[in-house]
Amino acid sequence: MATSRSTAAAGTPPASLRRRGAVLERAILESALEQLSTVGWSGLTMERVAAGAQTGKAAVYRRWPSKQDLVADALEAGLPVLDQAADHGGIREDLLQLCLRVRDAMFSPTGIALRSVLHECDTASAHRFQGVIFTRVVEPSTRLLQDVVRRGVMRGDVRPDAAGDLVFDVIPGLMMYRSKVCGSEWPDQDIADMIDQVMVPLLSPRNG
């Protein structure tokens, strides 16, 4: 009889371990990010997420009716806030520190989860995440780059005609290309080389 009760309860956490409310929701979102970073978009299932959060599948479906809805909220909750770029006194150091922050975000568990979504899901599913990607990644990182470059113009270490839209695409373009195509994890030295060999010459006032 004890064996039967144990079997019936398999997969259901003991009452003492069950989570509720905001604690449960946070556990589900964290489990979804973990699943994305380990088994990817294709391997993620609501059952796996529920098991990682120590809850039942029904508790997940009550809050998120689809896998797309769950992943969108998990990314929204997990992505770091890019709210300001500190002034380090010069364009090189400003860009270097900003790029290090972006690199850390790219290779954080949430960043890995985001790349899994972008690389694996089909066009219809990817469309569901475009708003999250734009408002939490593209827009803030571009704005911070603009802030850094414009601050450099005011200091005089960036020439005014360098603050164009194509210039703001150089850093994200290089970082995405070399991480996705070349498999680079962007160690500190590679970021410093990008700043010194590409960005500083591109932005600096021309002599003569």
N, C-alpha and C. Protein backbone atom coordinates (compact mmCIF):
# COMPACT_ATOMS: atom_id res chain seq x y z
N MET A 1 0.83 -1.20 0.00
CA MET A 1 0.00 0.00 0.00
C MET A 1 0.86 1.25 0.00
N ALA A 2 1.96 1.22 0.78
CA ALA A 2 2.86 2.37 0.83
C ALA A 2 3.49 2.60 -0.53
N THR A 3 3.82 1.47 -1.22
CA THR A 3 4.42 1.59 -2.55
C THR A 3 3.45 2.23 -3.51
N SER A 4 2.16 1.86 -3.41
CA SER A 4 1.13 2.42 -4.30
C SER A 4 1.00 3.92 -4.09
N ARG A 5 0.98 4.36 -2.84
CA ARG A 5 0.87 5.79 -2.56
C ARG A 5 2.07 6.54 -3.10
N SER A 6 3.27 5.93 -2.94
CA SER A 6 4.48 6.57 -3.44
C SER A 6 4.45 6.71 -4.94
N THR A 7 3.97 5.67 -5.64
CA THR A 7 3.89 5.70 -7.09
C THR A 7 2.90 6.75 -7.56
N ALA A 8 1.77 6.83 -6.87
CA ALA A 8 0.74 7.79 -7.26
C ALA A 8 1.23 9.21 -7.11
N ALA A 9 2.12 9.41 -6.14
CA ALA A 9 2.59 10.77 -5.89
C ALA A 9 3.81 11.14 -6.71
N ALA A 10 4.34 10.19 -7.52
CA ALA A 10 5.55 10.46 -8.29
C ALA A 10 5.35 11.67 -9.19
N GLY A 11 6.33 12.54 -9.21
CA GLY A 11 6.27 13.73 -10.05
C GLY A 11 5.58 14.90 -9.41
N THR A 12 4.95 14.68 -8.25
CA THR A 12 4.29 15.78 -7.54
C THR A 12 5.08 16.12 -6.30
N PRO A 13 5.57 17.34 -6.17
CA PRO A 13 6.38 17.69 -5.00
C PRO A 13 5.58 17.60 -3.71
N PRO A 14 6.23 17.25 -2.62
CA PRO A 14 5.55 17.26 -1.31
C PRO A 14 4.99 18.64 -1.02
N ALA A 15 3.94 18.67 -0.21
CA ALA A 15 3.29 19.94 0.10
C ALA A 15 4.27 20.94 0.69
N SER A 16 5.26 20.44 1.47
CA SER A 16 6.21 21.35 2.11
C SER A 16 7.12 22.04 1.10
N LEU A 17 7.26 21.45 -0.13
CA LEU A 17 8.13 22.02 -1.14
C LEU A 17 7.38 22.83 -2.19
N ARG A 18 6.06 22.78 -2.17
CA ARG A 18 5.29 23.48 -3.20
C ARG A 18 5.40 24.99 -3.03
N ARG A 19 5.47 25.67 -4.15
CA ARG A 19 5.59 27.12 -4.14
C ARG A 19 4.30 27.73 -4.65
N ARG A 20 4.04 28.96 -4.25
CA ARG A 20 2.79 29.60 -4.63
C ARG A 20 3.05 31.06 -5.01
N GLY A 21 2.07 31.64 -5.68
CA GLY A 21 2.10 33.06 -5.99
C GLY A 21 3.33 33.50 -6.75
N ALA A 22 3.89 34.66 -6.34
CA ALA A 22 5.04 35.23 -7.05
C ALA A 22 6.26 34.33 -6.96
N VAL A 23 6.42 33.61 -5.85
CA VAL A 23 7.56 32.70 -5.70
C VAL A 23 7.49 31.59 -6.74
N LEU A 24 6.29 31.03 -6.94
CA LEU A 24 6.12 29.98 -7.93
C LEU A 24 6.35 30.52 -9.34
N GLU A 25 5.81 31.69 -9.63
CA GLU A 25 5.98 32.26 -10.97
C GLU A 25 7.45 32.51 -11.28
N ARG A 26 8.19 33.03 -10.30
CA ARG A 26 9.61 33.26 -10.50
C ARG A 26 10.35 31.94 -10.74
N ALA A 27 9.97 30.90 -9.99
CA ALA A 27 10.61 29.59 -10.17
C ALA A 27 10.33 29.03 -11.56
N ILE A 28 9.12 29.23 -12.07
CA ILE A 28 8.77 28.74 -13.41
C ILE A 28 9.57 29.49 -14.47
N LEU A 29 9.66 30.80 -14.34
CA LEU A 29 10.42 31.60 -15.31
C LEU A 29 11.89 31.22 -15.29
N GLU A 30 12.46 31.04 -14.10
CA GLU A 30 13.86 30.64 -14.00
C GLU A 30 14.08 29.25 -14.59
N SER A 31 13.13 28.35 -14.38
CA SER A 31 13.23 27.02 -14.96
C SER A 31 13.18 27.07 -16.49
N ALA A 32 12.32 27.93 -17.02
CA ALA A 32 12.24 28.07 -18.48
C ALA A 32 13.56 28.56 -19.05
N LEU A 33 14.19 29.55 -18.41
CA LEU A 33 15.49 30.05 -18.88
C LEU A 33 16.55 28.96 -18.80
N GLU A 34 16.53 28.20 -17.73
CA GLU A 34 17.51 27.11 -17.59
C GLU A 34 17.33 26.08 -18.69
N GLN A 35 16.08 25.73 -18.98
CA GLN A 35 15.81 24.76 -20.04
C GLN A 35 16.28 25.28 -21.39
N LEU A 36 16.03 26.56 -21.66
CA LEU A 36 16.47 27.14 -22.93
C LEU A 36 17.98 27.10 -23.06
N SER A 37 18.69 27.38 -21.98
CA SER A 37 20.15 27.44 -22.05
C SER A 37 20.80 26.07 -22.06
N THR A 38 20.05 25.01 -21.72
CA THR A 38 20.63 23.67 -21.70
C THR A 38 20.12 22.79 -22.84
N VAL A 39 18.81 22.76 -23.06
CA VAL A 39 18.28 21.89 -24.12
C VAL A 39 17.77 22.69 -25.32
N GLY A 40 17.74 24.03 -25.21
CA GLY A 40 17.34 24.86 -26.35
C GLY A 40 15.84 24.95 -26.52
N TRP A 41 15.46 25.78 -27.49
CA TRP A 41 14.04 25.99 -27.79
C TRP A 41 13.35 24.68 -28.17
N SER A 42 13.98 23.88 -29.01
CA SER A 42 13.35 22.65 -29.49
C SER A 42 13.15 21.64 -28.37
N GLY A 43 14.07 21.60 -27.41
CA GLY A 43 13.97 20.62 -26.34
C GLY A 43 13.11 21.07 -25.17
N LEU A 44 12.79 22.35 -25.11
CA LEU A 44 11.99 22.85 -23.99
C LEU A 44 10.56 22.38 -24.10
N THR A 45 10.04 21.84 -23.00
CA THR A 45 8.63 21.46 -22.92
C THR A 45 8.06 22.01 -21.62
N MET A 46 6.75 22.14 -21.59
CA MET A 46 6.10 22.61 -20.37
C MET A 46 6.33 21.61 -19.24
N GLU A 47 6.41 20.32 -19.56
CA GLU A 47 6.65 19.30 -18.54
C GLU A 47 8.02 19.48 -17.90
N ARG A 48 9.04 19.73 -18.75
CA ARG A 48 10.38 19.95 -18.21
C ARG A 48 10.43 21.19 -17.32
N VAL A 49 9.78 22.25 -17.78
CA VAL A 49 9.76 23.49 -17.00
C VAL A 49 9.08 23.25 -15.65
N ALA A 50 7.96 22.57 -15.66
CA ALA A 50 7.24 22.29 -14.42
C ALA A 50 8.10 21.48 -13.46
N ALA A 51 8.80 20.47 -13.99
CA ALA A 51 9.65 19.65 -13.13
C ALA A 51 10.77 20.48 -12.53
N GLY A 52 11.38 21.37 -13.33
CA GLY A 52 12.45 22.21 -12.81
C GLY A 52 11.97 23.18 -11.75
N ALA A 53 10.72 23.60 -11.85
CA ALA A 53 10.15 24.53 -10.86
C ALA A 53 9.50 23.80 -9.69
N GLN A 54 9.56 22.48 -9.69
CA GLN A 54 8.96 21.67 -8.64
C GLN A 54 7.47 21.96 -8.49
N THR A 55 6.79 21.92 -9.62
CA THR A 55 5.35 22.13 -9.60
C THR A 55 4.72 21.22 -10.65
N GLY A 56 3.40 21.28 -10.76
CA GLY A 56 2.71 20.48 -11.76
C GLY A 56 2.55 21.23 -13.07
N LYS A 57 2.37 20.48 -14.14
CA LYS A 57 2.22 21.08 -15.46
C LYS A 57 1.01 22.00 -15.52
N ALA A 58 -0.05 21.66 -14.79
CA ALA A 58 -1.26 22.49 -14.80
C ALA A 58 -0.97 23.89 -14.27
N ALA A 59 -0.07 23.98 -13.27
CA ALA A 59 0.26 25.29 -12.70
C ALA A 59 0.94 26.18 -13.73
N VAL A 60 1.70 25.58 -14.64
CA VAL A 60 2.36 26.34 -15.70
C VAL A 60 1.33 26.80 -16.72
N TYR A 61 0.47 25.90 -17.16
CA TYR A 61 -0.53 26.23 -18.18
C TYR A 61 -1.56 27.24 -17.69
N ARG A 62 -1.82 27.28 -16.38
CA ARG A 62 -2.77 28.26 -15.86
C ARG A 62 -2.24 29.68 -16.07
N ARG A 63 -0.94 29.84 -16.02
CA ARG A 63 -0.34 31.15 -16.14
C ARG A 63 0.09 31.48 -17.57
N TRP A 64 0.54 30.46 -18.30
CA TRP A 64 1.02 30.67 -19.67
C TRP A 64 0.41 29.60 -20.57
N PRO A 65 -0.55 29.98 -21.40
CA PRO A 65 -1.24 28.98 -22.22
C PRO A 65 -0.39 28.35 -23.31
N SER A 66 0.76 28.95 -23.63
CA SER A 66 1.60 28.38 -24.69
C SER A 66 3.07 28.53 -24.33
N LYS A 67 3.86 27.72 -24.99
CA LYS A 67 5.31 27.78 -24.82
C LYS A 67 5.85 29.16 -25.21
N GLN A 68 5.31 29.73 -26.28
CA GLN A 68 5.76 31.05 -26.73
C GLN A 68 5.51 32.12 -25.66
N ASP A 69 4.31 32.08 -25.04
CA ASP A 69 3.99 33.05 -24.00
C ASP A 69 4.94 32.93 -22.81
N LEU A 70 5.22 31.69 -22.42
CA LEU A 70 6.11 31.46 -21.28
C LEU A 70 7.51 31.98 -21.57
N VAL A 71 8.04 31.65 -22.74
CA VAL A 71 9.41 32.04 -23.07
C VAL A 71 9.52 33.56 -23.20
N ALA A 72 8.53 34.20 -23.79
CA ALA A 72 8.56 35.66 -23.92
C ALA A 72 8.64 36.32 -22.54
N ASP A 73 7.84 35.85 -21.59
CA ASP A 73 7.86 36.42 -20.24
C ASP A 73 9.17 36.09 -19.51
N ALA A 74 9.71 34.89 -19.75
CA ALA A 74 10.96 34.51 -19.11
C ALA A 74 12.11 35.39 -19.59
N LEU A 75 12.14 35.66 -20.89
CA LEU A 75 13.17 36.55 -21.43
C LEU A 75 13.01 37.96 -20.89
N GLU A 76 11.78 38.43 -20.86
CA GLU A 76 11.49 39.78 -20.35
C GLU A 76 11.97 39.93 -18.91
N ALA A 77 11.72 38.90 -18.11
CA ALA A 77 12.08 38.96 -16.69
C ALA A 77 13.58 38.80 -16.47
N GLY A 78 14.24 38.05 -17.35
CA GLY A 78 15.64 37.72 -17.11
C GLY A 78 16.66 38.64 -17.74
N LEU A 79 16.27 39.39 -18.76
CA LEU A 79 17.24 40.25 -19.44
C LEU A 79 17.68 41.39 -18.53
N PRO A 80 18.97 41.71 -18.53
CA PRO A 80 19.46 42.79 -17.66
C PRO A 80 18.94 44.14 -18.13
N VAL A 81 18.87 45.08 -17.20
CA VAL A 81 18.44 46.43 -17.52
C VAL A 81 19.65 47.24 -17.98
N LEU A 82 19.59 47.74 -19.20
CA LEU A 82 20.65 48.60 -19.73
C LEU A 82 20.15 50.04 -19.67
N ASP A 83 20.38 50.68 -18.53
CA ASP A 83 19.75 51.97 -18.31
C ASP A 83 20.68 53.16 -18.50
N GLN A 84 21.98 52.99 -18.30
CA GLN A 84 22.88 54.11 -18.47
C GLN A 84 24.31 53.62 -18.72
N ALA A 85 25.10 54.47 -19.37
CA ALA A 85 26.50 54.18 -19.62
C ALA A 85 27.33 55.18 -18.83
N ALA A 86 28.12 54.68 -17.91
CA ALA A 86 28.91 55.56 -17.04
C ALA A 86 29.94 56.34 -17.84
N ASP A 87 30.25 57.52 -17.35
CA ASP A 87 31.26 58.37 -17.98
C ASP A 87 32.61 58.07 -17.33
N HIS A 88 33.52 57.47 -18.12
CA HIS A 88 34.85 57.11 -17.63
C HIS A 88 35.91 58.11 -18.07
N GLY A 89 35.48 59.22 -18.69
CA GLY A 89 36.41 60.28 -19.01
C GLY A 89 36.95 60.29 -20.42
N GLY A 90 36.68 59.25 -21.20
CA GLY A 90 37.19 59.21 -22.57
C GLY A 90 36.42 58.19 -23.39
N ILE A 91 36.42 58.37 -24.70
CA ILE A 91 35.61 57.51 -25.56
C ILE A 91 36.08 56.06 -25.53
N ARG A 92 37.39 55.83 -25.45
CA ARG A 92 37.87 54.45 -25.44
C ARG A 92 37.34 53.70 -24.24
N GLU A 93 37.53 54.27 -23.05
CA GLU A 93 37.12 53.56 -21.84
C GLU A 93 35.60 53.46 -21.76
N ASP A 94 34.88 54.48 -22.21
CA ASP A 94 33.42 54.42 -22.22
C ASP A 94 32.93 53.26 -23.07
N LEU A 95 33.49 53.14 -24.29
CA LEU A 95 33.08 52.07 -25.20
C LEU A 95 33.51 50.71 -24.67
N LEU A 96 34.71 50.64 -24.12
CA LEU A 96 35.20 49.36 -23.60
C LEU A 96 34.29 48.85 -22.49
N GLN A 97 33.97 49.69 -21.53
CA GLN A 97 33.14 49.24 -20.40
C GLN A 97 31.72 48.89 -20.85
N LEU A 98 31.19 49.64 -21.81
CA LEU A 98 29.86 49.33 -22.32
C LEU A 98 29.86 47.99 -23.05
N CYS A 99 30.90 47.74 -23.85
CA CYS A 99 30.97 46.48 -24.58
C CYS A 99 31.16 45.29 -23.65
N LEU A 100 31.90 45.48 -22.57
CA LEU A 100 32.04 44.40 -21.59
C LEU A 100 30.69 44.06 -20.97
N ARG A 101 29.88 45.07 -20.70
CA ARG A 101 28.53 44.82 -20.17
C ARG A 101 27.68 44.07 -21.16
N VAL A 102 27.74 44.48 -22.42
CA VAL A 102 26.95 43.81 -23.46
C VAL A 102 27.42 42.37 -23.62
N ARG A 103 28.74 42.15 -23.62
CA ARG A 103 29.27 40.79 -23.71
C ARG A 103 28.77 39.91 -22.56
N ASP A 104 28.82 40.45 -21.34
CA ASP A 104 28.36 39.67 -20.19
C ASP A 104 26.88 39.32 -20.33
N ALA A 105 26.10 40.25 -20.87
CA ALA A 105 24.67 39.98 -21.07
C ALA A 105 24.48 38.92 -22.14
N MET A 106 25.27 38.97 -23.22
CA MET A 106 25.15 38.00 -24.31
C MET A 106 25.40 36.58 -23.84
N PHE A 107 26.35 36.42 -22.91
CA PHE A 107 26.75 35.08 -22.48
C PHE A 107 26.22 34.73 -21.09
N SER A 108 25.29 35.52 -20.59
CA SER A 108 24.58 35.16 -19.36
C SER A 108 23.57 34.05 -19.69
N PRO A 109 23.03 33.37 -18.68
CA PRO A 109 22.01 32.36 -18.97
C PRO A 109 20.85 32.90 -19.81
N THR A 110 20.43 34.14 -19.53
CA THR A 110 19.33 34.71 -20.31
C THR A 110 19.78 35.02 -21.73
N GLY A 111 21.01 35.50 -21.89
CA GLY A 111 21.53 35.76 -23.23
C GLY A 111 21.63 34.49 -24.05
N ILE A 112 22.10 33.41 -23.43
CA ILE A 112 22.18 32.12 -24.12
C ILE A 112 20.79 31.64 -24.49
N ALA A 113 19.83 31.84 -23.58
CA ALA A 113 18.44 31.45 -23.88
C ALA A 113 17.90 32.25 -25.05
N LEU A 114 18.18 33.55 -25.08
CA LEU A 114 17.70 34.38 -26.17
C LEU A 114 18.28 33.93 -27.50
N ARG A 115 19.56 33.62 -27.53
CA ARG A 115 20.17 33.16 -28.78
C ARG A 115 19.61 31.82 -29.21
N SER A 116 19.28 30.97 -28.24
CA SER A 116 18.64 29.70 -28.57
C SER A 116 17.32 29.92 -29.28
N VAL A 117 16.54 30.86 -28.77
CA VAL A 117 15.26 31.19 -29.40
C VAL A 117 15.47 31.70 -30.82
N LEU A 118 16.41 32.63 -30.99
CA LEU A 118 16.63 33.24 -32.30
C LEU A 118 17.14 32.23 -33.32
N HIS A 119 17.97 31.28 -32.87
CA HIS A 119 18.58 30.34 -33.81
C HIS A 119 17.67 29.18 -34.17
N GLU A 120 16.79 28.78 -33.25
CA GLU A 120 16.07 27.52 -33.44
C GLU A 120 14.61 27.65 -33.84
N CYS A 121 13.91 28.66 -33.34
CA CYS A 121 12.46 28.66 -33.57
C CYS A 121 12.14 29.16 -34.97
N ASP A 122 10.97 28.74 -35.46
CA ASP A 122 10.57 29.11 -36.81
C ASP A 122 10.13 30.57 -36.86
N THR A 123 9.87 31.05 -38.08
CA THR A 123 9.56 32.47 -38.27
C THR A 123 8.31 32.89 -37.50
N ALA A 124 7.29 32.04 -37.52
CA ALA A 124 6.04 32.38 -36.84
C ALA A 124 6.27 32.53 -35.33
N SER A 125 7.06 31.63 -34.75
CA SER A 125 7.33 31.71 -33.32
C SER A 125 8.25 32.88 -33.00
N ALA A 126 9.27 33.10 -33.85
CA ALA A 126 10.22 34.18 -33.60
C ALA A 126 9.53 35.52 -33.57
N HIS A 127 8.47 35.68 -34.37
CA HIS A 127 7.75 36.96 -34.41
C HIS A 127 7.20 37.32 -33.03
N ARG A 128 6.87 36.31 -32.23
CA ARG A 128 6.31 36.53 -30.90
C ARG A 128 7.32 37.23 -29.99
N PHE A 129 8.62 37.08 -30.28
CA PHE A 129 9.64 37.61 -29.39
C PHE A 129 10.25 38.92 -29.88
N GLN A 130 9.82 39.39 -31.04
CA GLN A 130 10.45 40.58 -31.61
C GLN A 130 10.30 41.80 -30.70
N GLY A 131 9.13 41.95 -30.09
CA GLY A 131 8.92 43.09 -29.21
C GLY A 131 9.86 43.06 -28.02
N VAL A 132 10.05 41.88 -27.42
CA VAL A 132 10.95 41.76 -26.27
C VAL A 132 12.37 42.08 -26.70
N ILE A 133 12.80 41.52 -27.83
CA ILE A 133 14.17 41.72 -28.29
C ILE A 133 14.42 43.19 -28.59
N PHE A 134 13.46 43.84 -29.23
CA PHE A 134 13.66 45.24 -29.61
C PHE A 134 13.69 46.14 -28.38
N THR A 135 12.69 45.99 -27.49
CA THR A 135 12.58 46.92 -26.36
C THR A 135 13.60 46.66 -25.27
N ARG A 136 14.08 45.40 -25.12
CA ARG A 136 14.99 45.09 -24.03
C ARG A 136 16.44 44.92 -24.46
N VAL A 137 16.69 44.76 -25.77
CA VAL A 137 18.07 44.54 -26.23
C VAL A 137 18.49 45.60 -27.25
N VAL A 138 17.80 45.63 -28.39
CA VAL A 138 18.23 46.48 -29.50
C VAL A 138 18.13 47.95 -29.14
N GLU A 139 16.96 48.38 -28.69
CA GLU A 139 16.74 49.80 -28.42
C GLU A 139 17.65 50.33 -27.30
N PRO A 140 17.73 49.67 -26.13
CA PRO A 140 18.58 50.23 -25.08
C PRO A 140 20.06 50.21 -25.41
N SER A 141 20.55 49.14 -26.06
CA SER A 141 21.98 49.10 -26.39
C SER A 141 22.34 50.16 -27.42
N THR A 142 21.46 50.38 -28.40
CA THR A 142 21.70 51.44 -29.39
C THR A 142 21.69 52.81 -28.72
N ARG A 143 20.74 53.01 -27.82
CA ARG A 143 20.66 54.31 -27.13
C ARG A 143 21.91 54.58 -26.30
N LEU A 144 22.43 53.56 -25.64
CA LEU A 144 23.63 53.75 -24.84
C LEU A 144 24.84 54.05 -25.70
N LEU A 145 24.94 53.37 -26.85
CA LEU A 145 26.03 53.68 -27.78
C LEU A 145 25.93 55.12 -28.26
N GLN A 146 24.72 55.55 -28.55
CA GLN A 146 24.52 56.94 -28.98
C GLN A 146 24.92 57.91 -27.88
N ASP A 147 24.54 57.59 -26.65
CA ASP A 147 24.90 58.46 -25.52
C ASP A 147 26.42 58.58 -25.38
N VAL A 148 27.12 57.45 -25.51
CA VAL A 148 28.57 57.45 -25.36
C VAL A 148 29.23 58.26 -26.46
N VAL A 149 28.79 58.06 -27.71
CA VAL A 149 29.40 58.77 -28.83
C VAL A 149 29.10 60.26 -28.75
N ARG A 150 27.87 60.62 -28.44
CA ARG A 150 27.52 62.04 -28.35
C ARG A 150 28.25 62.73 -27.19
N ARG A 151 28.46 62.00 -26.12
CA ARG A 151 29.23 62.55 -25.02
C ARG A 151 30.68 62.78 -25.46
N GLY A 152 31.19 61.87 -26.29
CA GLY A 152 32.53 62.04 -26.83
C GLY A 152 32.63 63.26 -27.74
N VAL A 153 31.57 63.53 -28.50
CA VAL A 153 31.55 64.72 -29.35
C VAL A 153 31.65 65.97 -28.48
N MET A 154 30.90 65.99 -27.39
CA MET A 154 30.92 67.16 -26.49
C MET A 154 32.29 67.33 -25.84
N ARG A 155 32.98 66.22 -25.55
CA ARG A 155 34.31 66.30 -24.94
C ARG A 155 35.38 66.68 -25.96
N GLY A 156 35.10 66.38 -27.24
CA GLY A 156 36.07 66.68 -28.28
C GLY A 156 36.91 65.51 -28.72
N ASP A 157 36.67 64.29 -28.15
CA ASP A 157 37.46 63.14 -28.59
C ASP A 157 36.72 62.30 -29.64
N VAL A 158 35.58 62.78 -30.11
CA VAL A 158 34.84 62.19 -31.23
C VAL A 158 34.47 63.31 -32.18
N ARG A 159 34.70 63.12 -33.47
CA ARG A 159 34.35 64.16 -34.42
C ARG A 159 32.85 64.18 -34.65
N PRO A 160 32.24 65.32 -34.84
CA PRO A 160 30.78 65.43 -34.93
C PRO A 160 30.15 64.60 -36.04
N ASP A 161 30.82 64.48 -37.19
CA ASP A 161 30.20 63.75 -38.30
C ASP A 161 30.28 62.24 -38.13
N ALA A 162 30.87 61.77 -37.01
CA ALA A 162 30.96 60.34 -36.77
C ALA A 162 29.69 59.76 -36.15
N ALA A 163 28.81 60.62 -35.65
CA ALA A 163 27.63 60.14 -34.92
C ALA A 163 26.49 59.82 -35.89
N GLY A 164 26.73 58.86 -36.80
CA GLY A 164 25.71 58.46 -37.76
C GLY A 164 25.17 57.07 -37.47
N ASP A 165 24.03 56.74 -38.07
CA ASP A 165 23.37 55.47 -37.79
C ASP A 165 24.25 54.26 -38.10
N LEU A 166 25.02 54.31 -39.20
CA LEU A 166 25.86 53.17 -39.56
C LEU A 166 26.96 52.93 -38.53
N VAL A 167 27.46 54.00 -37.94
CA VAL A 167 28.49 53.87 -36.91
C VAL A 167 27.95 53.09 -35.71
N PHE A 168 26.69 53.34 -35.37
CA PHE A 168 26.10 52.67 -34.22
C PHE A 168 25.84 51.18 -34.49
N ASP A 169 25.90 50.77 -35.74
CA ASP A 169 25.72 49.36 -36.08
C ASP A 169 27.01 48.56 -36.04
N VAL A 170 28.16 49.23 -35.98
CA VAL A 170 29.44 48.54 -36.12
C VAL A 170 29.68 47.58 -34.96
N ILE A 171 29.54 48.06 -33.73
CA ILE A 171 29.81 47.20 -32.57
C ILE A 171 28.84 46.02 -32.50
N PRO A 172 27.52 46.24 -32.51
CA PRO A 172 26.63 45.07 -32.46
C PRO A 172 26.81 44.15 -33.66
N GLY A 173 27.09 44.73 -34.84
CA GLY A 173 27.29 43.89 -36.01
C GLY A 173 28.50 42.98 -35.86
N LEU A 174 29.62 43.53 -35.40
CA LEU A 174 30.82 42.73 -35.19
C LEU A 174 30.61 41.67 -34.11
N MET A 175 29.99 42.08 -33.00
CA MET A 175 29.82 41.15 -31.89
C MET A 175 28.90 40.00 -32.26
N MET A 176 27.81 40.30 -32.97
CA MET A 176 26.89 39.24 -33.37
C MET A 176 27.53 38.33 -34.42
N TYR A 177 28.22 38.92 -35.40
CA TYR A 177 28.84 38.12 -36.46
C TYR A 177 29.88 37.16 -35.88
N ARG A 178 30.77 37.69 -35.07
CA ARG A 178 31.85 36.84 -34.58
C ARG A 178 31.41 35.84 -33.54
N SER A 179 30.34 36.15 -32.81
CA SER A 179 29.83 35.16 -31.86
C SER A 179 29.04 34.07 -32.57
N LYS A 180 28.23 34.45 -33.55
CA LYS A 180 27.37 33.48 -34.23
C LYS A 180 28.10 32.68 -35.30
N VAL A 181 28.91 33.35 -36.12
CA VAL A 181 29.57 32.69 -37.24
C VAL A 181 30.91 32.08 -36.84
N CYS A 182 31.66 32.80 -36.02
CA CYS A 182 33.01 32.35 -35.66
C CYS A 182 33.08 31.65 -34.30
N GLY A 183 32.00 31.69 -33.55
CA GLY A 183 31.99 31.04 -32.24
C GLY A 183 32.79 31.76 -31.17
N SER A 184 33.07 33.04 -31.38
CA SER A 184 33.85 33.80 -30.40
C SER A 184 33.01 34.09 -29.16
N GLU A 185 33.64 33.96 -28.00
CA GLU A 185 32.98 34.33 -26.74
C GLU A 185 33.45 35.70 -26.27
N TRP A 186 34.14 36.42 -27.12
CA TRP A 186 34.55 37.80 -26.88
C TRP A 186 35.28 37.97 -25.55
N PRO A 187 36.48 37.38 -25.43
CA PRO A 187 37.30 37.67 -24.23
C PRO A 187 37.64 39.15 -24.16
N ASP A 188 38.06 39.59 -22.99
CA ASP A 188 38.32 41.02 -22.77
C ASP A 188 39.29 41.59 -23.82
N GLN A 189 40.34 40.82 -24.16
CA GLN A 189 41.34 41.35 -25.09
C GLN A 189 40.75 41.58 -26.48
N ASP A 190 39.85 40.69 -26.92
CA ASP A 190 39.23 40.88 -28.24
C ASP A 190 38.36 42.14 -28.25
N ILE A 191 37.69 42.39 -27.15
CA ILE A 191 36.88 43.61 -27.08
C ILE A 191 37.78 44.84 -27.09
N ALA A 192 38.87 44.79 -26.35
CA ALA A 192 39.80 45.92 -26.35
C ALA A 192 40.37 46.14 -27.75
N ASP A 193 40.68 45.04 -28.46
CA ASP A 193 41.21 45.17 -29.83
C ASP A 193 40.17 45.80 -30.76
N MET A 194 38.92 45.42 -30.60
CA MET A 194 37.87 46.01 -31.43
C MET A 194 37.77 47.52 -31.19
N ILE A 195 37.84 47.91 -29.95
CA ILE A 195 37.76 49.33 -29.64
C ILE A 195 38.98 50.08 -30.20
N ASP A 196 40.18 49.51 -29.98
CA ASP A 196 41.41 50.19 -30.37
C ASP A 196 41.63 50.19 -31.88
N GLN A 197 41.30 49.09 -32.54
CA GLN A 197 41.62 48.96 -33.96
C GLN A 197 40.50 49.43 -34.89
N VAL A 198 39.27 49.44 -34.38
CA VAL A 198 38.14 49.80 -35.24
C VAL A 198 37.46 51.08 -34.77
N MET A 199 36.99 51.08 -33.53
CA MET A 199 36.11 52.17 -33.12
C MET A 199 36.85 53.48 -32.86
N VAL A 200 37.98 53.42 -32.16
CA VAL A 200 38.69 54.68 -31.88
C VAL A 200 39.16 55.34 -33.17
N PRO A 201 39.79 54.60 -34.11
CA PRO A 201 40.14 55.25 -35.39
C PRO A 201 38.92 55.77 -36.16
N LEU A 202 37.81 55.05 -36.07
CA LEU A 202 36.62 55.47 -36.79
C LEU A 202 36.03 56.75 -36.24
N LEU A 203 36.14 56.95 -34.93
CA LEU A 203 35.47 58.07 -34.27
C LEU A 203 36.36 59.27 -34.03
N SER A 204 37.66 59.05 -33.96
CA SER A 204 38.57 60.12 -33.54
C SER A 204 38.60 61.27 -34.55
N PRO A 205 38.81 62.49 -34.06
CA PRO A 205 38.97 63.64 -34.97
C PRO A 205 40.15 63.41 -35.92
N ARG A 206 39.97 63.79 -37.16
CA ARG A 206 41.02 63.62 -38.14
C ARG A 206 42.08 64.71 -37.95
N ASN A 207 43.32 64.30 -38.05
CA ASN A 207 44.42 65.26 -37.97
C ASN A 207 44.58 65.96 -39.32
N GLY A 208 44.92 67.22 -39.25
CA GLY A 208 45.13 67.98 -40.50
C GLY A 208 43.85 68.39 -41.11
